[in-house]
Amino acid sequence: MKALMSIEELIANLRGLHQLSLYTVNEDWCIQLYELDVCANDHDVFKQAKYAPIYESSNHSLQFLLIEATEWAAKRYQDC
């Protein structure tokens, strides 16, 4: 059985595939993934639908949230 990746490794892996926004709401961790050419910190981006997040999720566990997002991203690139 393969050992779980560290949180740092998961974030680095995702960052190689997508821009990301990671934040908390109450007790949950939340993530939004964007295409690499989208600057998620640019407030003008949020006004344009074509720059909307391509993936959003939340989970009480940061590690499981990042694992889910990494699996989604890997599947997305396998399907291309």
N, C-alpha and C. Protein backbone atom coordinates (compact mmCIF):
# COMPACT_ATOMS: atom_id res chain seq x y z
N MET A 1 0.84 -1.18 0.00
CA MET A 1 0.00 0.00 0.00
C MET A 1 0.89 1.25 0.00
N LYS A 2 0.59 2.19 -0.87
CA LYS A 2 1.37 3.40 -1.00
C LYS A 2 1.09 4.36 0.15
N ALA A 3 2.12 4.96 0.70
CA ALA A 3 1.97 5.92 1.79
C ALA A 3 1.30 7.20 1.27
N LEU A 4 0.55 7.83 2.13
CA LEU A 4 -0.09 9.08 1.76
C LEU A 4 0.96 10.16 1.52
N MET A 5 0.69 11.01 0.54
CA MET A 5 1.58 12.14 0.28
C MET A 5 1.39 13.16 1.40
N SER A 6 2.44 13.91 1.69
CA SER A 6 2.32 14.97 2.69
C SER A 6 1.46 16.11 2.13
N ILE A 7 0.97 16.97 3.00
CA ILE A 7 0.18 18.11 2.56
C ILE A 7 1.01 18.98 1.61
N GLU A 8 2.26 19.18 1.94
CA GLU A 8 3.13 19.99 1.07
C GLU A 8 3.26 19.36 -0.32
N GLU A 9 3.44 18.05 -0.38
CA GLU A 9 3.55 17.37 -1.67
C GLU A 9 2.25 17.47 -2.47
N LEU A 10 1.12 17.33 -1.80
CA LEU A 10 -0.18 17.45 -2.48
C LEU A 10 -0.37 18.84 -3.06
N ILE A 11 -0.05 19.87 -2.28
CA ILE A 11 -0.19 21.24 -2.77
C ILE A 11 0.76 21.49 -3.95
N ALA A 12 2.00 21.05 -3.83
CA ALA A 12 2.96 21.23 -4.92
C ALA A 12 2.50 20.52 -6.18
N ASN A 13 1.95 19.32 -6.04
CA ASN A 13 1.44 18.56 -7.18
C ASN A 13 0.30 19.32 -7.85
N LEU A 14 -0.65 19.79 -7.05
CA LEU A 14 -1.77 20.55 -7.60
C LEU A 14 -1.29 21.84 -8.27
N ARG A 15 -0.34 22.49 -7.64
CA ARG A 15 0.16 23.77 -8.17
C ARG A 15 0.82 23.59 -9.52
N GLY A 16 1.34 22.42 -9.79
CA GLY A 16 1.91 22.14 -11.10
C GLY A 16 0.86 22.01 -12.20
N LEU A 17 -0.38 21.76 -11.80
CA LEU A 17 -1.46 21.56 -12.77
C LEU A 17 -2.44 22.73 -12.84
N HIS A 18 -2.62 23.43 -11.73
CA HIS A 18 -3.65 24.47 -11.64
C HIS A 18 -3.23 25.60 -10.71
N GLN A 19 -3.81 26.78 -10.93
CA GLN A 19 -3.79 27.82 -9.91
C GLN A 19 -4.77 27.35 -8.85
N LEU A 20 -4.53 27.71 -7.60
CA LEU A 20 -5.48 27.27 -6.58
C LEU A 20 -5.69 28.32 -5.52
N SER A 21 -6.86 28.23 -4.92
CA SER A 21 -7.22 29.08 -3.80
C SER A 21 -7.62 28.14 -2.67
N LEU A 22 -6.98 28.29 -1.53
CA LEU A 22 -7.22 27.42 -0.38
C LEU A 22 -7.61 28.32 0.79
N TYR A 23 -8.75 28.03 1.43
CA TYR A 23 -9.23 28.88 2.51
C TYR A 23 -10.10 28.06 3.46
N THR A 24 -10.54 28.68 4.53
CA THR A 24 -11.41 28.00 5.49
C THR A 24 -12.75 28.71 5.60
N VAL A 25 -13.78 27.93 5.90
CA VAL A 25 -15.11 28.43 6.23
C VAL A 25 -15.60 27.61 7.42
N ASN A 26 -15.78 28.29 8.53
CA ASN A 26 -16.13 27.63 9.78
C ASN A 26 -15.10 26.54 10.09
N GLU A 27 -15.52 25.31 10.16
CA GLU A 27 -14.61 24.20 10.50
C GLU A 27 -14.05 23.48 9.28
N ASP A 28 -14.44 23.92 8.08
CA ASP A 28 -14.04 23.21 6.85
C ASP A 28 -12.94 23.94 6.10
N TRP A 29 -12.11 23.15 5.43
CA TRP A 29 -11.15 23.64 4.46
C TRP A 29 -11.84 23.67 3.11
N CYS A 30 -11.56 24.66 2.29
CA CYS A 30 -12.16 24.79 0.97
C CYS A 30 -11.06 25.01 -0.07
N ILE A 31 -11.31 24.50 -1.27
CA ILE A 31 -10.35 24.67 -2.35
C ILE A 31 -11.09 25.02 -3.63
N GLN A 32 -10.47 25.88 -4.42
CA GLN A 32 -10.94 26.19 -5.76
C GLN A 32 -9.73 26.03 -6.69
N LEU A 33 -9.94 25.34 -7.79
CA LEU A 33 -8.89 25.18 -8.80
C LEU A 33 -9.26 25.98 -10.04
N TYR A 34 -8.25 26.58 -10.65
CA TYR A 34 -8.40 27.38 -11.86
C TYR A 34 -7.40 26.88 -12.89
N GLU A 35 -7.64 27.25 -14.14
CA GLU A 35 -6.66 26.97 -15.18
C GLU A 35 -5.36 27.71 -14.82
N LEU A 36 -4.24 27.22 -15.32
CA LEU A 36 -2.94 27.82 -15.00
C LEU A 36 -2.82 29.28 -15.42
N ASP A 37 -3.53 29.69 -16.47
CA ASP A 37 -3.39 31.06 -16.94
C ASP A 37 -4.33 32.05 -16.25
N VAL A 38 -5.05 31.60 -15.24
CA VAL A 38 -5.98 32.47 -14.49
C VAL A 38 -5.31 32.90 -13.19
N CYS A 39 -5.32 34.19 -12.94
CA CYS A 39 -4.79 34.72 -11.69
C CYS A 39 -5.95 34.85 -10.71
N ALA A 40 -6.07 33.88 -9.82
CA ALA A 40 -7.21 33.81 -8.91
C ALA A 40 -7.26 34.99 -7.94
N ASN A 41 -6.17 35.70 -7.74
CA ASN A 41 -6.15 36.85 -6.83
C ASN A 41 -6.59 38.15 -7.50
N ASP A 42 -6.77 38.14 -8.81
CA ASP A 42 -7.18 39.33 -9.55
C ASP A 42 -8.69 39.49 -9.40
N HIS A 43 -9.13 40.53 -8.73
CA HIS A 43 -10.56 40.70 -8.46
C HIS A 43 -11.40 40.87 -9.72
N ASP A 44 -10.81 41.35 -10.81
CA ASP A 44 -11.55 41.46 -12.07
C ASP A 44 -11.90 40.09 -12.64
N VAL A 45 -11.14 39.08 -12.26
CA VAL A 45 -11.37 37.72 -12.74
C VAL A 45 -12.76 37.24 -12.32
N PHE A 46 -13.16 37.55 -11.11
CA PHE A 46 -14.43 37.05 -10.58
C PHE A 46 -15.64 37.60 -11.32
N LYS A 47 -15.47 38.67 -12.07
CA LYS A 47 -16.56 39.28 -12.83
C LYS A 47 -16.77 38.59 -14.17
N GLN A 48 -15.86 37.73 -14.57
CA GLN A 48 -15.93 37.09 -15.88
C GLN A 48 -16.15 35.59 -15.72
N ALA A 49 -17.25 35.11 -16.24
CA ALA A 49 -17.62 33.69 -16.07
C ALA A 49 -16.55 32.74 -16.64
N LYS A 50 -15.85 33.15 -17.69
CA LYS A 50 -14.87 32.25 -18.29
C LYS A 50 -13.69 31.98 -17.36
N TYR A 51 -13.55 32.77 -16.30
CA TYR A 51 -12.48 32.57 -15.35
C TYR A 51 -12.96 31.96 -14.04
N ALA A 52 -14.14 31.39 -14.04
CA ALA A 52 -14.68 30.76 -12.84
C ALA A 52 -13.83 29.54 -12.47
N PRO A 53 -13.87 29.14 -11.21
CA PRO A 53 -13.15 27.92 -10.83
C PRO A 53 -13.63 26.73 -11.65
N ILE A 54 -12.70 25.84 -11.98
CA ILE A 54 -13.07 24.63 -12.73
C ILE A 54 -13.33 23.48 -11.76
N TYR A 55 -13.00 23.68 -10.49
CA TYR A 55 -13.24 22.66 -9.46
C TYR A 55 -13.36 23.38 -8.12
N GLU A 56 -14.34 22.95 -7.32
CA GLU A 56 -14.52 23.48 -5.97
C GLU A 56 -14.93 22.34 -5.06
N SER A 57 -14.41 22.35 -3.83
CA SER A 57 -14.80 21.33 -2.87
C SER A 57 -14.44 21.82 -1.47
N SER A 58 -14.98 21.12 -0.48
CA SER A 58 -14.64 21.41 0.92
C SER A 58 -14.65 20.11 1.71
N ASN A 59 -13.92 20.12 2.83
CA ASN A 59 -13.82 18.94 3.67
C ASN A 59 -13.28 19.37 5.03
N HIS A 60 -13.65 18.66 6.05
CA HIS A 60 -13.15 18.95 7.39
C HIS A 60 -11.66 18.64 7.49
N SER A 61 -11.19 17.69 6.69
CA SER A 61 -9.78 17.29 6.69
C SER A 61 -9.05 17.94 5.51
N LEU A 62 -8.02 18.72 5.79
CA LEU A 62 -7.24 19.34 4.73
C LEU A 62 -6.59 18.28 3.85
N GLN A 63 -6.03 17.25 4.45
CA GLN A 63 -5.35 16.23 3.65
C GLN A 63 -6.33 15.51 2.72
N PHE A 64 -7.51 15.14 3.20
CA PHE A 64 -8.47 14.48 2.33
C PHE A 64 -8.98 15.41 1.24
N LEU A 65 -9.14 16.69 1.55
CA LEU A 65 -9.54 17.67 0.53
C LEU A 65 -8.51 17.72 -0.59
N LEU A 66 -7.25 17.79 -0.21
CA LEU A 66 -6.18 17.85 -1.21
C LEU A 66 -6.05 16.56 -2.00
N ILE A 67 -6.27 15.43 -1.36
CA ILE A 67 -6.25 14.13 -2.05
C ILE A 67 -7.37 14.09 -3.08
N GLU A 68 -8.57 14.49 -2.70
CA GLU A 68 -9.72 14.53 -3.64
C GLU A 68 -9.41 15.41 -4.84
N ALA A 69 -8.89 16.60 -4.58
CA ALA A 69 -8.58 17.54 -5.66
C ALA A 69 -7.49 16.99 -6.57
N THR A 70 -6.49 16.35 -5.99
CA THR A 70 -5.41 15.75 -6.77
C THR A 70 -5.94 14.62 -7.65
N GLU A 71 -6.81 13.79 -7.10
CA GLU A 71 -7.41 12.70 -7.89
C GLU A 71 -8.26 13.26 -9.02
N TRP A 72 -9.02 14.33 -8.75
CA TRP A 72 -9.83 14.95 -9.80
C TRP A 72 -8.93 15.49 -10.91
N ALA A 73 -7.87 16.20 -10.52
CA ALA A 73 -6.97 16.79 -11.51
C ALA A 73 -6.28 15.70 -12.34
N ALA A 74 -5.86 14.62 -11.69
CA ALA A 74 -5.20 13.53 -12.41
C ALA A 74 -6.16 12.89 -13.41
N LYS A 75 -7.40 12.68 -13.00
CA LYS A 75 -8.40 12.09 -13.91
C LYS A 75 -8.69 13.04 -15.08
N ARG A 76 -8.75 14.31 -14.79
CA ARG A 76 -9.02 15.31 -15.84
C ARG A 76 -7.93 15.25 -16.91
N TYR A 77 -6.68 15.13 -16.51
CA TYR A 77 -5.59 15.08 -17.48
C TYR A 77 -5.49 13.74 -18.17
N GLN A 78 -5.95 12.67 -17.53
CA GLN A 78 -5.98 11.37 -18.20
C GLN A 78 -7.02 11.35 -19.30
N ASP A 79 -8.13 12.09 -19.08
CA ASP A 79 -9.22 12.12 -20.04
C ASP A 79 -8.93 13.02 -21.24
N CYS A 80 -7.88 13.84 -21.17
CA CYS A 80 -7.54 14.77 -22.27
C CYS A 80 -6.83 14.04 -23.39
